[in-house]
Amino acid sequence: ATSIAANYRAAGRSRSRAEFISKMGTVVEEADESVFWLEMLVDTEIVREDKVEPLLREGNELLAIFAASQRTAKANRN
């Protein structure tokens, strides 16, 4: 999950829109992977859902924000 923050920071320092879009793609992938692992913990009954639910909610909210940012950048690249 820490790579999300590192890659988001790198996206903010992008030298071009294309680089920003690419780096945001990595942020989206990493955020999605983090949500996946949280879901896996629940599905395999390693952690109770009520313990992970706030993290899952926040992870999905951040994933939606990052994906929307990437889509906006793609739409405005022309």
PDB file of N, CA and C in Angstrom:
ATOM      1  N   ALA A   1       0.820  -1.203   0.000  1.00  0.00           N
ATOM      2  CA  ALA A   1       0.000   0.000   0.000  1.00  0.00           C
ATOM      3  C   ALA A   1       0.860   1.261   0.000  1.00  0.00           C
ATOM      4  N   THR A   2       2.064   1.185   0.543  1.00  0.00           N
ATOM      5  CA  THR A   2       2.896   2.387   0.584  1.00  0.00           C
ATOM      6  C   THR A   2       3.349   2.825  -0.802  1.00  0.00           C
ATOM      7  N   SER A   3       3.369   1.902  -1.749  1.00  0.00           N
ATOM      8  CA  SER A   3       3.785   2.291  -3.103  1.00  0.00           C
ATOM      9  C   SER A   3       2.764   3.214  -3.750  1.00  0.00           C
ATOM     10  N   ILE A   4       1.530   3.178  -3.279  1.00  0.00           N
ATOM     11  CA  ILE A   4       0.508   4.095  -3.805  1.00  0.00           C
ATOM     12  C   ILE A   4       0.953   5.530  -3.563  1.00  0.00           C
ATOM     13  N   ALA A   5       1.340   5.817  -2.340  1.00  0.00           N
ATOM     14  CA  ALA A   5       1.767   7.180  -1.997  1.00  0.00           C
ATOM     15  C   ALA A   5       3.015   7.584  -2.763  1.00  0.00           C
ATOM     16  N   ALA A   6       3.967   6.678  -2.869  1.00  0.00           N
ATOM     17  CA  ALA A   6       5.206   6.994  -3.583  1.00  0.00           C
ATOM     18  C   ALA A   6       4.935   7.264  -5.058  1.00  0.00           C
ATOM     19  N   ASN A   7       4.092   6.454  -5.670  1.00  0.00           N
ATOM     20  CA  ASN A   7       3.786   6.651  -7.090  1.00  0.00           C
ATOM     21  C   ASN A   7       2.918   7.885  -7.312  1.00  0.00           C
ATOM     22  N   TYR A   8       2.029   8.204  -6.368  1.00  0.00           N
ATOM     23  CA  TYR A   8       1.217   9.415  -6.478  1.00  0.00           C
ATOM     24  C   TYR A   8       2.121  10.650  -6.400  1.00  0.00           C
ATOM     25  N   ARG A   9       3.083  10.594  -5.501  1.00  0.00           N
ATOM     26  CA  ARG A   9       4.040  11.696  -5.404  1.00  0.00           C
ATOM     27  C   ARG A   9       4.814  11.856  -6.709  1.00  0.00           C
ATOM     28  N   ALA A  10       5.236  10.737  -7.272  1.00  0.00           N
ATOM     29  CA  ALA A  10       5.951  10.782  -8.549  1.00  0.00           C
ATOM     30  C   ALA A  10       5.062  11.346  -9.657  1.00  0.00           C
ATOM     31  N   ALA A  11       3.782  11.012  -9.629  1.00  0.00           N
ATOM     32  CA  ALA A  11       2.858  11.550 -10.638  1.00  0.00           C
ATOM     33  C   ALA A  11       2.776  13.064 -10.529  1.00  0.00           C
ATOM     34  N   GLY A  12       2.787  13.565  -9.314  1.00  0.00           N
ATOM     35  CA  GLY A  12       2.738  15.013  -9.105  1.00  0.00           C
ATOM     36  C   GLY A  12       3.977  15.732  -9.619  1.00  0.00           C
ATOM     37  N   ARG A  13       5.043  14.995  -9.817  1.00  0.00           N
ATOM     38  CA  ARG A  13       6.299  15.576 -10.312  1.00  0.00           C
ATOM     39  C   ARG A  13       6.545  15.247 -11.781  1.00  0.00           C
ATOM     40  N   SER A  14       5.500  14.782 -12.447  1.00  0.00           N
ATOM     41  CA  SER A  14       5.626  14.404 -13.858  1.00  0.00           C
ATOM     42  C   SER A  14       6.065  15.588 -14.703  1.00  0.00           C
ATOM     43  N   ARG A  15       6.814  15.282 -15.749  1.00  0.00           N
ATOM     44  CA  ARG A  15       7.313  16.318 -16.653  1.00  0.00           C
ATOM     45  C   ARG A  15       6.404  16.559 -17.848  1.00  0.00           C
ATOM     46  N   SER A  16       5.404  15.676 -18.007  1.00  0.00           N
ATOM     47  CA  SER A  16       4.487  15.838 -19.133  1.00  0.00           C
ATOM     48  C   SER A  16       3.146  15.202 -18.765  1.00  0.00           C
ATOM     49  N   ARG A  17       2.134  15.540 -19.532  1.00  0.00           N
ATOM     50  CA  ARG A  17       0.817  14.940 -19.303  1.00  0.00           C
ATOM     51  C   ARG A  17       0.874  13.436 -19.532  1.00  0.00           C
ATOM     52  N   ALA A  18       1.596  13.006 -20.561  1.00  0.00           N
ATOM     53  CA  ALA A  18       1.710  11.573 -20.848  1.00  0.00           C
ATOM     54  C   ALA A  18       2.355  10.836 -19.673  1.00  0.00           C
ATOM     55  N   GLU A  19       3.389  11.435 -19.103  1.00  0.00           N
ATOM     56  CA  GLU A  19       4.044  10.813 -17.951  1.00  0.00           C
ATOM     57  C   GLU A  19       3.096  10.771 -16.754  1.00  0.00           C
ATOM     58  N   PHE A  20       2.329  11.848 -16.545  1.00  0.00           N
ATOM     59  CA  PHE A  20       1.347  11.880 -15.457  1.00  0.00           C
ATOM     60  C   PHE A  20       0.321  10.767 -15.623  1.00  0.00           C
ATOM     61  N   ILE A  21      -0.199  10.636 -16.835  1.00  0.00           N
ATOM     62  CA  ILE A  21      -1.202   9.602 -17.104  1.00  0.00           C
ATOM     63  C   ILE A  21      -0.621   8.219 -16.827  1.00  0.00           C
ATOM     64  N   SER A  22       0.588   7.993 -17.265  1.00  0.00           N
ATOM     65  CA  SER A  22       1.243   6.706 -17.047  1.00  0.00           C
ATOM     66  C   SER A  22       1.437   6.429 -15.558  1.00  0.00           C
ATOM     67  N   LYS A  23       1.944   7.411 -14.834  1.00  0.00           N
ATOM     68  CA  LYS A  23       2.186   7.229 -13.403  1.00  0.00           C
ATOM     69  C   LYS A  23       0.875   7.055 -12.644  1.00  0.00           C
ATOM     70  N   MET A  24      -0.167   7.747 -13.059  1.00  0.00           N
ATOM     71  CA  MET A  24      -1.467   7.572 -12.406  1.00  0.00           C
ATOM     72  C   MET A  24      -2.016   6.170 -12.687  1.00  0.00           C
ATOM     73  N   GLY A  25      -1.671   5.619 -13.841  1.00  0.00           N
ATOM     74  CA  GLY A  25      -2.058   4.231 -14.124  1.00  0.00           C
ATOM     75  C   GLY A  25      -1.430   3.280 -13.110  1.00  0.00           C
ATOM     76  N   THR A  26      -0.188   3.543 -12.759  1.00  0.00           N
ATOM     77  CA  THR A  26       0.483   2.727 -11.743  1.00  0.00           C
ATOM     78  C   THR A  26      -0.189   2.920 -10.385  1.00  0.00           C
ATOM     79  N   VAL A  27      -0.557   4.149 -10.063  1.00  0.00           N
ATOM     80  CA  VAL A  27      -1.246   4.418  -8.797  1.00  0.00           C
ATOM     81  C   VAL A  27      -2.561   3.636  -8.744  1.00  0.00           C
ATOM     82  N   VAL A  28      -3.320   3.668  -9.834  1.00  0.00           N
ATOM     83  CA  VAL A  28      -4.590   2.945  -9.888  1.00  0.00           C
ATOM     84  C   VAL A  28      -4.353   1.440  -9.712  1.00  0.00           C
ATOM     85  N   GLU A  29      -3.368   0.907 -10.389  1.00  0.00           N
ATOM     86  CA  GLU A  29      -3.060  -0.529 -10.270  1.00  0.00           C
ATOM     87  C   GLU A  29      -2.689  -0.903  -8.839  1.00  0.00           C
ATOM     88  N   GLU A  30      -1.853  -0.097  -8.214  1.00  0.00           N
ATOM     89  CA  GLU A  30      -1.411  -0.384  -6.850  1.00  0.00           C
ATOM     90  C   GLU A  30      -2.564  -0.258  -5.856  1.00  0.00           C
ATOM     91  N   ALA A  31      -3.415   0.736  -6.042  1.00  0.00           N
ATOM     92  CA  ALA A  31      -4.577   0.899  -5.156  1.00  0.00           C
ATOM     93  C   ALA A  31      -5.528  -0.284  -5.311  1.00  0.00           C
ATOM     94  N   ASP A  32      -5.739  -0.707  -6.538  1.00  0.00           N
ATOM     95  CA  ASP A  32      -6.610  -1.853  -6.784  1.00  0.00           C
ATOM     96  C   ASP A  32      -6.029  -3.117  -6.153  1.00  0.00           C
ATOM     97  N   GLU A  33      -4.721  -3.282  -6.239  1.00  0.00           N
ATOM     98  CA  GLU A  33      -4.083  -4.453  -5.634  1.00  0.00           C
ATOM     99  C   GLU A  33      -4.234  -4.432  -4.110  1.00  0.00           C
ATOM    100  N   SER A  34      -4.108  -3.262  -3.516  1.00  0.00           N
ATOM    101  CA  SER A  34      -4.274  -3.165  -2.063  1.00  0.00           C
ATOM    102  C   SER A  34      -5.684  -3.545  -1.642  1.00  0.00           C
ATOM    103  N   VAL A  35      -6.672  -3.074  -2.402  1.00  0.00           N
ATOM    104  CA  VAL A  35      -8.064  -3.450  -2.118  1.00  0.00           C
ATOM    105  C   VAL A  35      -8.237  -4.951  -2.286  1.00  0.00           C
ATOM    106  N   PHE A  36      -7.632  -5.513  -3.318  1.00  0.00           N
ATOM    107  CA  PHE A  36      -7.705  -6.957  -3.537  1.00  0.00           C
ATOM    108  C   PHE A  36      -7.217  -7.732  -2.318  1.00  0.00           C
ATOM    109  N   TRP A  37      -6.047  -7.348  -1.786  1.00  0.00           N
ATOM    110  CA  TRP A  37      -5.483  -8.083  -0.653  1.00  0.00           C
ATOM    111  C   TRP A  37      -6.346  -7.942   0.589  1.00  0.00           C
ATOM    112  N   LEU A  38      -6.946  -6.785   0.793  1.00  0.00           N
ATOM    113  CA  LEU A  38      -7.874  -6.634   1.920  1.00  0.00           C
ATOM    114  C   LEU A  38      -9.075  -7.559   1.752  1.00  0.00           C
ATOM    115  N   GLU A  39      -9.602  -7.611   0.536  1.00  0.00           N
ATOM    116  CA  GLU A  39     -10.725  -8.516   0.258  1.00  0.00           C
ATOM    117  C   GLU A  39     -10.315  -9.970   0.460  1.00  0.00           C
ATOM    118  N   MET A  40      -9.091 -10.297   0.067  1.00  0.00           N
ATOM    119  CA  MET A  40      -8.601 -11.664   0.224  1.00  0.00           C
ATOM    120  C   MET A  40      -8.521 -12.047   1.702  1.00  0.00           C
ATOM    121  N   LEU A  41      -8.095 -11.118   2.533  1.00  0.00           N
ATOM    122  CA  LEU A  41      -8.041 -11.388   3.975  1.00  0.00           C
ATOM    123  C   LEU A  41      -9.408 -11.748   4.532  1.00  0.00           C
ATOM    124  N   VAL A  42     -10.431 -11.065   4.042  1.00  0.00           N
ATOM    125  CA  VAL A  42     -11.792 -11.352   4.488  1.00  0.00           C
ATOM    126  C   VAL A  42     -12.272 -12.667   3.897  1.00  0.00           C
ATOM    127  N   ASP A  43     -12.073 -12.853   2.603  1.00  0.00           N
ATOM    128  CA  ASP A  43     -12.555 -14.065   1.920  1.00  0.00           C
ATOM    129  C   ASP A  43     -11.941 -15.338   2.485  1.00  0.00           C
ATOM    130  N   THR A  44     -10.714 -15.264   2.936  1.00  0.00           N
ATOM    131  CA  THR A  44     -10.050 -16.446   3.488  1.00  0.00           C
ATOM    132  C   THR A  44     -10.232 -16.548   5.006  1.00  0.00           C
ATOM    133  N   GLU A  45     -11.014 -15.634   5.530  1.00  0.00           N
ATOM    134  CA  GLU A  45     -11.357 -15.598   6.961  1.00  0.00           C
ATOM    135  C   GLU A  45     -10.139 -15.444   7.868  1.00  0.00           C
ATOM    136  N   ILE A  46      -9.123 -14.769   7.358  1.00  0.00           N
ATOM    137  CA  ILE A  46      -7.954 -14.456   8.173  1.00  0.00           C
ATOM    138  C   ILE A  46      -8.283 -13.286   9.098  1.00  0.00           C
ATOM    139  N   VAL A  47      -9.078 -12.352   8.566  1.00  0.00           N
ATOM    140  CA  VAL A  47      -9.488 -11.171   9.326  1.00  0.00           C
ATOM    141  C   VAL A  47     -11.007 -11.022   9.188  1.00  0.00           C
ATOM    142  N   ARG A  48     -11.644 -10.655  10.275  1.00  0.00           N
ATOM    143  CA  ARG A  48     -13.099 -10.441  10.226  1.00  0.00           C
ATOM    144  C   ARG A  48     -13.424  -9.206   9.392  1.00  0.00           C
ATOM    145  N   GLU A  49     -14.508  -9.286   8.667  1.00  0.00           N
ATOM    146  CA  GLU A  49     -14.894  -8.198   7.773  1.00  0.00           C
ATOM    147  C   GLU A  49     -15.078  -6.880   8.518  1.00  0.00           C
ATOM    148  N   ASP A  50     -15.648  -6.912   9.711  1.00  0.00           N
ATOM    149  CA  ASP A  50     -15.884  -5.673  10.447  1.00  0.00           C
ATOM    150  C   ASP A  50     -14.580  -4.956  10.804  1.00  0.00           C
ATOM    151  N   LYS A  51     -13.490  -5.689  10.887  1.00  0.00           N
ATOM    152  CA  LYS A  51     -12.185  -5.076  11.176  1.00  0.00           C
ATOM    153  C   LYS A  51     -11.576  -4.410   9.949  1.00  0.00           C
ATOM    154  N   VAL A  52     -11.888  -4.925   8.778  1.00  0.00           N
ATOM    155  CA  VAL A  52     -11.287  -4.453   7.536  1.00  0.00           C
ATOM    156  C   VAL A  52     -12.197  -3.484   6.780  1.00  0.00           C
ATOM    157  N   GLU A  53     -13.466  -3.488   7.093  1.00  0.00           N
ATOM    158  CA  GLU A  53     -14.446  -2.712   6.328  1.00  0.00           C
ATOM    159  C   GLU A  53     -14.084  -1.233   6.184  1.00  0.00           C
ATOM    160  N   PRO A  54     -13.664  -0.540   7.246  1.00  0.00           N
ATOM    161  CA  PRO A  54     -13.295   0.877   7.045  1.00  0.00           C
ATOM    162  C   PRO A  54     -12.123   1.050   6.073  1.00  0.00           C
ATOM    163  N   LEU A  55     -11.170   0.137   6.123  1.00  0.00           N
ATOM    164  CA  LEU A  55     -10.041   0.206   5.193  1.00  0.00           C
ATOM    165  C   LEU A  55     -10.478  -0.073   3.766  1.00  0.00           C
ATOM    166  N   LEU A  56     -11.372  -1.041   3.602  1.00  0.00           N
ATOM    167  CA  LEU A  56     -11.895  -1.346   2.260  1.00  0.00           C
ATOM    168  C   LEU A  56     -12.659  -0.153   1.697  1.00  0.00           C
ATOM    169  N   ARG A  57     -13.475   0.471   2.520  1.00  0.00           N
ATOM    170  CA  ARG A  57     -14.247   1.627   2.067  1.00  0.00           C
ATOM    171  C   ARG A  57     -13.314   2.743   1.621  1.00  0.00           C
ATOM    172  N   GLU A  58     -12.325   3.054   2.452  1.00  0.00           N
ATOM    173  CA  GLU A  58     -11.380   4.113   2.100  1.00  0.00           C
ATOM    174  C   GLU A  58     -10.554   3.740   0.878  1.00  0.00           C
ATOM    175  N   GLY A  59     -10.122   2.490   0.799  1.00  0.00           N
ATOM    176  CA  GLY A  59      -9.363   2.044  -0.359  1.00  0.00           C
ATOM    177  C   GLY A  59     -10.143   2.180  -1.650  1.00  0.00           C
ATOM    178  N   ASN A  60     -11.405   1.798  -1.617  1.00  0.00           N
ATOM    179  CA  ASN A  60     -12.253   1.925  -2.811  1.00  0.00           C
ATOM    180  C   ASN A  60     -12.524   3.382  -3.156  1.00  0.00           C
ATOM    181  N   GLU A  61     -12.678   4.233  -2.134  1.00  0.00           N
ATOM    182  CA  GLU A  61     -12.871   5.662  -2.395  1.00  0.00           C
ATOM    183  C   GLU A  61     -11.628   6.264  -3.055  1.00  0.00           C
ATOM    184  N   LEU A  62     -10.460   5.931  -2.521  1.00  0.00           N
ATOM    185  CA  LEU A  62      -9.220   6.438  -3.116  1.00  0.00           C
ATOM    186  C   LEU A  62      -9.018   5.903  -4.529  1.00  0.00           C
ATOM    187  N   LEU A  63      -9.330   4.641  -4.727  1.00  0.00           N
ATOM    188  CA  LEU A  63      -9.227   4.044  -6.059  1.00  0.00           C
ATOM    189  C   LEU A  63     -10.105   4.805  -7.047  1.00  0.00           C
ATOM    190  N   ALA A  64     -11.321   5.137  -6.647  1.00  0.00           N
ATOM    191  CA  ALA A  64     -12.225   5.887  -7.525  1.00  0.00           C
ATOM    192  C   ALA A  64     -11.672   7.279  -7.833  1.00  0.00           C
ATOM    193  N   ILE A  65     -11.088   7.927  -6.838  1.00  0.00           N
ATOM    194  CA  ILE A  65     -10.512   9.263  -7.040  1.00  0.00           C
ATOM    195  C   ILE A  65      -9.336   9.196  -8.011  1.00  0.00           C
ATOM    196  N   PHE A  66      -8.445   8.248  -7.797  1.00  0.00           N
ATOM    197  CA  PHE A  66      -7.277   8.122  -8.672  1.00  0.00           C
ATOM    198  C   PHE A  66      -7.678   7.777 -10.101  1.00  0.00           C
ATOM    199  N   ALA A  67      -8.635   6.875 -10.250  1.00  0.00           N
ATOM    200  CA  ALA A  67      -9.093   6.489 -11.587  1.00  0.00           C
ATOM    201  C   ALA A  67      -9.752   7.675 -12.289  1.00  0.00           C
ATOM    202  N   ALA A  68     -10.526   8.457 -11.554  1.00  0.00           N
ATOM    203  CA  ALA A  68     -11.169   9.638 -12.142  1.00  0.00           C
ATOM    204  C   ALA A  68     -10.124  10.657 -12.569  1.00  0.00           C
ATOM    205  N   SER A  69      -9.083  10.822 -11.766  1.00  0.00           N
ATOM    206  CA  SER A  69      -8.008  11.750 -12.121  1.00  0.00           C
ATOM    207  C   SER A  69      -7.313  11.318 -13.400  1.00  0.00           C
ATOM    208  N   GLN A  70      -7.054  10.033 -13.511  1.00  0.00           N
ATOM    209  CA  GLN A  70      -6.416   9.518 -14.718  1.00  0.00           C
ATOM    210  C   GLN A  70      -7.330   9.709 -15.935  1.00  0.00           C
ATOM    211  N   ARG A  71      -8.612   9.408 -15.780  1.00  0.00           N
ATOM    212  CA  ARG A  71      -9.559   9.588 -16.902  1.00  0.00           C
ATOM    213  C   ARG A  71      -9.628  11.053 -17.333  1.00  0.00           C
ATOM    214  N   THR A  72      -9.662  11.954 -16.365  1.00  0.00           N
ATOM    215  CA  THR A  72      -9.711  13.394 -16.685  1.00  0.00           C
ATOM    216  C   THR A  72      -8.460  13.816 -17.442  1.00  0.00           C
ATOM    217  N   ALA A  73      -7.305  13.370 -16.972  1.00  0.00           N
ATOM    218  CA  ALA A  73      -6.052  13.702 -17.655  1.00  0.00           C
ATOM    219  C   ALA A  73      -6.045  13.175 -19.087  1.00  0.00           C
ATOM    220  N   LYS A  74      -6.553  11.955 -19.274  1.00  0.00           N
ATOM    221  CA  LYS A  74      -6.622  11.392 -20.624  1.00  0.00           C
ATOM    222  C   LYS A  74      -7.564  12.204 -21.510  1.00  0.00           C
ATOM    223  N   ALA A  75      -8.703  12.598 -20.950  1.00  0.00           N
ATOM    224  CA  ALA A  75      -9.689  13.355 -21.734  1.00  0.00           C
ATOM    225  C   ALA A  75      -9.167  14.735 -22.109  1.00  0.00           C
ATOM    226  N   ASN A  76      -8.304  15.309 -21.282  1.00  0.00           N
ATOM    227  CA  ASN A  76      -7.800  16.666 -21.517  1.00  0.00           C
ATOM    228  C   ASN A  76      -6.425  16.705 -22.169  1.00  0.00           C
ATOM    229  N   ARG A  77      -5.937  15.582 -22.653  1.00  0.00           N
ATOM    230  CA  ARG A  77      -4.568  15.568 -23.191  1.00  0.00           C
ATOM    231  C   ARG A  77      -4.452  16.250 -24.541  1.00  0.00           C
ATOM    232  N   ASN A  78      -5.535  16.500 -25.204  1.00  0.00           N
ATOM    233  CA  ASN A  78      -5.466  17.153 -26.530  1.00  0.00           C
ATOM    234  C   ASN A  78      -5.375  18.637 -26.415  1.00  0.00           C
TER     235      ASN A  78
END
